[in-house]
Amino acid sequence: MINALELVSISDFALSIVCLFLAGLTLGNGKTNKSPDNSLGFFILFIGLSAFMGGLNHGFFEPLNQSYYPRLLTFIFAAGGTFCIFNYTIKVFTKGKTAYVLTIISYIQLVGFVLATCYVNNFMLVIGNYAPILFFFFIMNVLNLKNGKREQYFSLFFLIMTLGTIVQVTKISASDLINNSTLFHTIVLIGYIILYFGIQQKKV
């Protein structure tokens, strides 16, 4: 009989498979490497890698109390994804000195987070890292909703991510088997599919 931790691992692997597939579709569509959309492709790729490491950790290493390095990689890959979506938002919605300052901040945030992961073993660190960046991404897309469907998809992606984050933080569980982490993975999986469809919308 499967237990709750094993189901968390399975949901992590499911999220990883979907994200890696969507990343492949996004990065392999023939667009120039200078396209901001590639930043979103790498965002999804890093999230897929993070979910894969999370699946390995929960399924194999955590039961053996050997989760430090898998957890570290899980967090670092998530930070890489956060950096990429921050980079996309900067490229698309800012310019000049503002873009320059925000780019410096993005690198400082990345380095600071990686250093913090060596000492903090708590997923709240990951949430605290990505939440303000996703909110910035959301605000900039809301301000540009009139530009087309892309911004609508991206705004919906943020709302779904917020729902998943609330479930994770408040530890809402559907049952003893389906805990908050499994629900979180399931909810955000839908969000990444919506993000992908948003990427496919032409930028006006």
Protein backbone atom coordinates (compact mmCIF):
# COMPACT_ATOMS: atom_id res chain seq x y z
CA MET A 1 0.00 0.00 0.00
CA ILE A 2 1.34 3.40 -0.99
CA ASN A 3 1.92 5.92 1.78
CA ALA A 4 1.69 9.73 1.81
CA LEU A 5 5.41 10.34 1.33
CA GLU A 6 5.55 7.98 -1.64
CA LEU A 7 2.60 9.79 -3.20
CA VAL A 8 4.42 13.11 -2.75
CA SER A 9 7.35 11.58 -4.64
CA ILE A 10 5.08 10.35 -7.44
CA SER A 11 3.42 13.76 -7.77
CA ASP A 12 6.88 15.35 -7.90
CA PHE A 13 7.89 13.04 -10.74
CA ALA A 14 4.62 13.77 -12.58
CA LEU A 15 5.28 17.51 -12.28
CA SER A 16 8.83 16.97 -13.48
CA ILE A 17 7.76 14.99 -16.56
CA VAL A 18 5.22 17.64 -17.58
CA CYS A 19 7.61 20.55 -17.02
CA LEU A 20 10.53 18.93 -18.85
CA PHE A 21 8.24 18.11 -21.77
CA LEU A 22 6.89 21.67 -21.92
CA ALA A 23 10.40 23.09 -21.60
CA GLY A 24 11.49 20.98 -24.56
CA LEU A 25 8.58 22.26 -26.64
CA THR A 26 9.36 25.86 -25.66
CA LEU A 27 13.12 25.78 -26.15
CA GLY A 28 12.99 23.61 -29.25
CA ASN A 29 10.63 25.74 -31.31
CA GLY A 30 13.38 27.35 -33.39
CA LYS A 31 13.24 30.82 -31.86
CA THR A 32 16.43 32.84 -31.53
CA ASN A 33 18.37 32.49 -28.31
CA LYS A 34 17.81 36.21 -27.74
CA SER A 35 14.05 35.75 -27.40
CA PRO A 36 12.76 36.53 -23.88
CA ASP A 37 10.56 33.45 -24.25
CA ASN A 38 13.67 31.32 -23.83
CA SER A 39 13.91 32.62 -20.27
CA LEU A 40 10.47 31.16 -19.63
CA GLY A 41 11.55 27.92 -21.29
CA PHE A 42 14.51 27.69 -18.92
CA PHE A 43 12.23 28.64 -16.04
CA ILE A 44 10.05 25.61 -16.76
CA LEU A 45 13.16 23.46 -17.32
CA PHE A 46 14.64 24.34 -13.93
CA ILE A 47 11.30 23.71 -12.22
CA GLY A 48 11.19 20.30 -13.89
CA LEU A 49 14.69 19.51 -12.62
CA SER A 50 13.75 20.75 -9.16
CA ALA A 51 10.66 18.53 -9.12
CA PHE A 52 12.74 15.56 -10.29
CA MET A 53 15.20 16.01 -7.46
CA GLY A 54 12.29 16.47 -5.07
CA GLY A 55 10.86 13.17 -6.24
CA LEU A 56 14.18 11.41 -5.69
CA ASN A 57 14.52 12.99 -2.27
CA HIS A 58 11.04 12.12 -1.01
CA GLY A 59 11.01 8.67 -2.58
CA PHE A 60 14.50 7.43 -1.81
CA PHE A 61 16.71 9.69 0.29
CA GLU A 62 14.31 11.12 2.88
CA PRO A 63 13.28 7.67 4.21
CA LEU A 64 17.00 6.99 4.76
CA ASN A 65 17.57 10.36 6.47
CA GLN A 66 20.05 11.25 3.71
CA SER A 67 18.19 14.16 2.14
CA TYR A 68 20.68 17.03 2.54
CA TYR A 69 22.21 17.02 -0.94
CA PRO A 70 19.04 16.09 -2.89
CA ARG A 71 17.17 18.80 -0.97
CA LEU A 72 19.98 21.25 -1.71
CA LEU A 73 19.76 20.54 -5.44
CA THR A 74 15.96 20.76 -5.32
CA PHE A 75 16.17 24.23 -3.83
CA ILE A 76 18.97 25.42 -6.13
CA PHE A 77 17.13 24.32 -9.28
CA ALA A 78 14.03 26.15 -8.00
CA ALA A 79 16.20 29.25 -7.51
CA GLY A 80 17.43 28.91 -11.08
CA GLY A 81 13.83 28.91 -12.25
CA THR A 82 13.05 32.00 -10.19
CA PHE A 83 16.06 33.77 -11.69
CA CYS A 84 14.86 32.95 -15.21
CA ILE A 85 11.31 34.26 -14.77
CA PHE A 86 12.75 37.37 -13.10
CA ASN A 87 15.02 37.76 -16.12
CA TYR A 88 12.04 37.44 -18.49
CA THR A 89 10.07 40.09 -16.61
CA ILE A 90 13.02 42.47 -16.66
CA LYS A 91 13.65 42.00 -20.39
CA VAL A 92 10.02 42.38 -21.45
CA PHE A 93 8.70 45.08 -19.15
CA THR A 94 11.66 47.27 -18.15
CA LYS A 95 14.50 49.09 -19.86
CA GLY A 96 17.37 51.45 -19.22
CA LYS A 97 18.58 52.03 -15.68
CA THR A 98 15.60 50.21 -14.18
CA ALA A 99 16.47 47.06 -16.11
CA TYR A 100 20.12 47.40 -15.14
CA VAL A 101 19.38 47.75 -11.42
CA LEU A 102 16.86 44.90 -11.43
CA THR A 103 19.33 42.65 -13.24
CA ILE A 104 21.93 43.28 -10.53
CA ILE A 105 19.29 42.53 -7.89
CA SER A 106 18.41 39.26 -9.65
CA TYR A 107 22.01 38.07 -9.41
CA ILE A 108 22.33 39.13 -5.78
CA GLN A 109 19.10 37.29 -4.99
CA LEU A 110 20.31 34.14 -6.72
CA VAL A 111 23.68 34.09 -4.94
CA GLY A 112 22.11 34.96 -1.59
CA PHE A 113 19.56 32.20 -1.90
CA VAL A 114 22.11 29.56 -2.88
CA LEU A 115 24.20 30.47 0.17
CA ALA A 116 21.12 30.36 2.41
CA THR A 117 20.17 26.86 1.22
CA CYS A 118 23.32 25.50 2.80
CA TYR A 119 21.97 26.40 6.22
CA VAL A 120 18.16 26.47 5.95
CA ASN A 121 16.27 23.20 5.42
CA ASN A 122 12.78 24.57 4.94
CA PHE A 123 10.66 24.88 1.78
CA MET A 124 9.47 28.24 3.10
CA LEU A 125 12.85 29.54 1.95
CA VAL A 126 11.97 28.59 -1.62
CA ILE A 127 8.53 30.19 -1.32
CA GLY A 128 10.02 33.36 0.13
CA ASN A 129 12.42 33.48 -2.82
CA TYR A 130 9.93 32.99 -5.65
CA ALA A 131 6.81 34.68 -4.24
CA PRO A 132 7.90 38.33 -4.71
CA ILE A 133 9.25 37.59 -8.19
CA LEU A 134 6.02 35.92 -9.30
CA PHE A 135 4.10 38.84 -7.85
CA PHE A 136 6.26 41.27 -9.86
CA PHE A 137 5.65 39.10 -12.94
CA PHE A 138 1.90 39.18 -12.24
CA ILE A 139 1.71 42.94 -11.72
CA MET A 140 3.59 43.68 -14.93
CA ASN A 141 1.32 41.35 -16.89
CA VAL A 142 -1.84 42.83 -15.36
CA LEU A 143 -0.65 46.30 -16.33
CA ASN A 144 -0.29 45.05 -19.90
CA LEU A 145 -3.46 42.96 -20.20
CA LYS A 146 -4.60 45.06 -23.15
CA ASN A 147 -1.65 43.75 -25.17
CA GLY A 148 -3.28 40.39 -25.76
CA LYS A 149 -4.06 36.89 -24.52
CA ARG A 150 -0.50 36.15 -23.43
CA GLU A 151 -0.73 38.43 -20.42
CA GLN A 152 -4.09 36.89 -19.49
CA TYR A 153 -2.61 33.38 -19.47
CA PHE A 154 0.38 34.56 -17.44
CA SER A 155 -1.86 36.30 -14.90
CA LEU A 156 -3.93 33.13 -14.52
CA PHE A 157 -0.71 31.16 -14.04
CA PHE A 158 0.18 33.43 -11.13
CA LEU A 159 -3.23 32.99 -9.51
CA ILE A 160 -2.93 29.21 -9.72
CA MET A 161 0.59 29.33 -8.28
CA THR A 162 -0.73 31.48 -5.46
CA LEU A 163 -3.45 28.93 -4.73
CA GLY A 164 -0.87 26.14 -4.66
CA THR A 165 1.41 28.16 -2.40
CA ILE A 166 -1.44 28.85 0.04
CA VAL A 167 -2.22 25.12 0.15
CA GLN A 168 1.44 24.35 0.86
CA VAL A 169 1.94 27.04 3.50
CA THR A 170 -1.29 26.36 5.37
CA LYS A 171 -0.76 22.59 5.06
CA ILE A 172 -4.22 21.90 3.60
CA SER A 173 -4.63 18.17 2.98
CA ALA A 174 -7.34 16.28 1.14
CA SER A 175 -6.79 13.19 3.31
CA ASP A 176 -4.12 11.37 5.29
CA LEU A 177 -2.81 10.03 1.98
CA ILE A 178 -3.09 13.19 -0.13
CA ASN A 179 -1.24 15.78 1.89
CA ASN A 180 -0.47 19.44 1.21
CA SER A 181 2.66 18.71 -0.81
CA THR A 182 0.83 16.36 -3.17
CA LEU A 183 -1.95 18.93 -3.59
CA PHE A 184 0.65 21.64 -4.21
CA HIS A 185 2.32 19.63 -6.97
CA THR A 186 -1.04 18.86 -8.59
CA ILE A 187 -2.21 22.47 -8.56
CA VAL A 188 1.01 24.01 -9.87
CA LEU A 189 1.22 21.35 -12.60
CA ILE A 190 -1.95 22.86 -14.05
CA GLY A 191 -0.36 26.29 -13.70
CA TYR A 192 2.68 25.34 -15.78
CA ILE A 193 0.46 23.98 -18.55
CA ILE A 194 -1.36 27.32 -18.62
CA LEU A 195 1.98 29.14 -18.64
CA TYR A 196 3.02 27.11 -21.68
CA PHE A 197 -0.16 27.99 -23.57
CA GLY A 198 0.53 31.61 -22.70
CA ILE A 199 4.01 31.36 -24.19
CA GLN A 200 2.45 30.14 -27.43
CA GLN A 201 0.39 33.31 -27.73
CA LYS A 202 2.03 35.85 -30.00
CA LYS A 203 3.50 38.90 -28.32
CA VAL A 204 1.88 42.07 -29.65
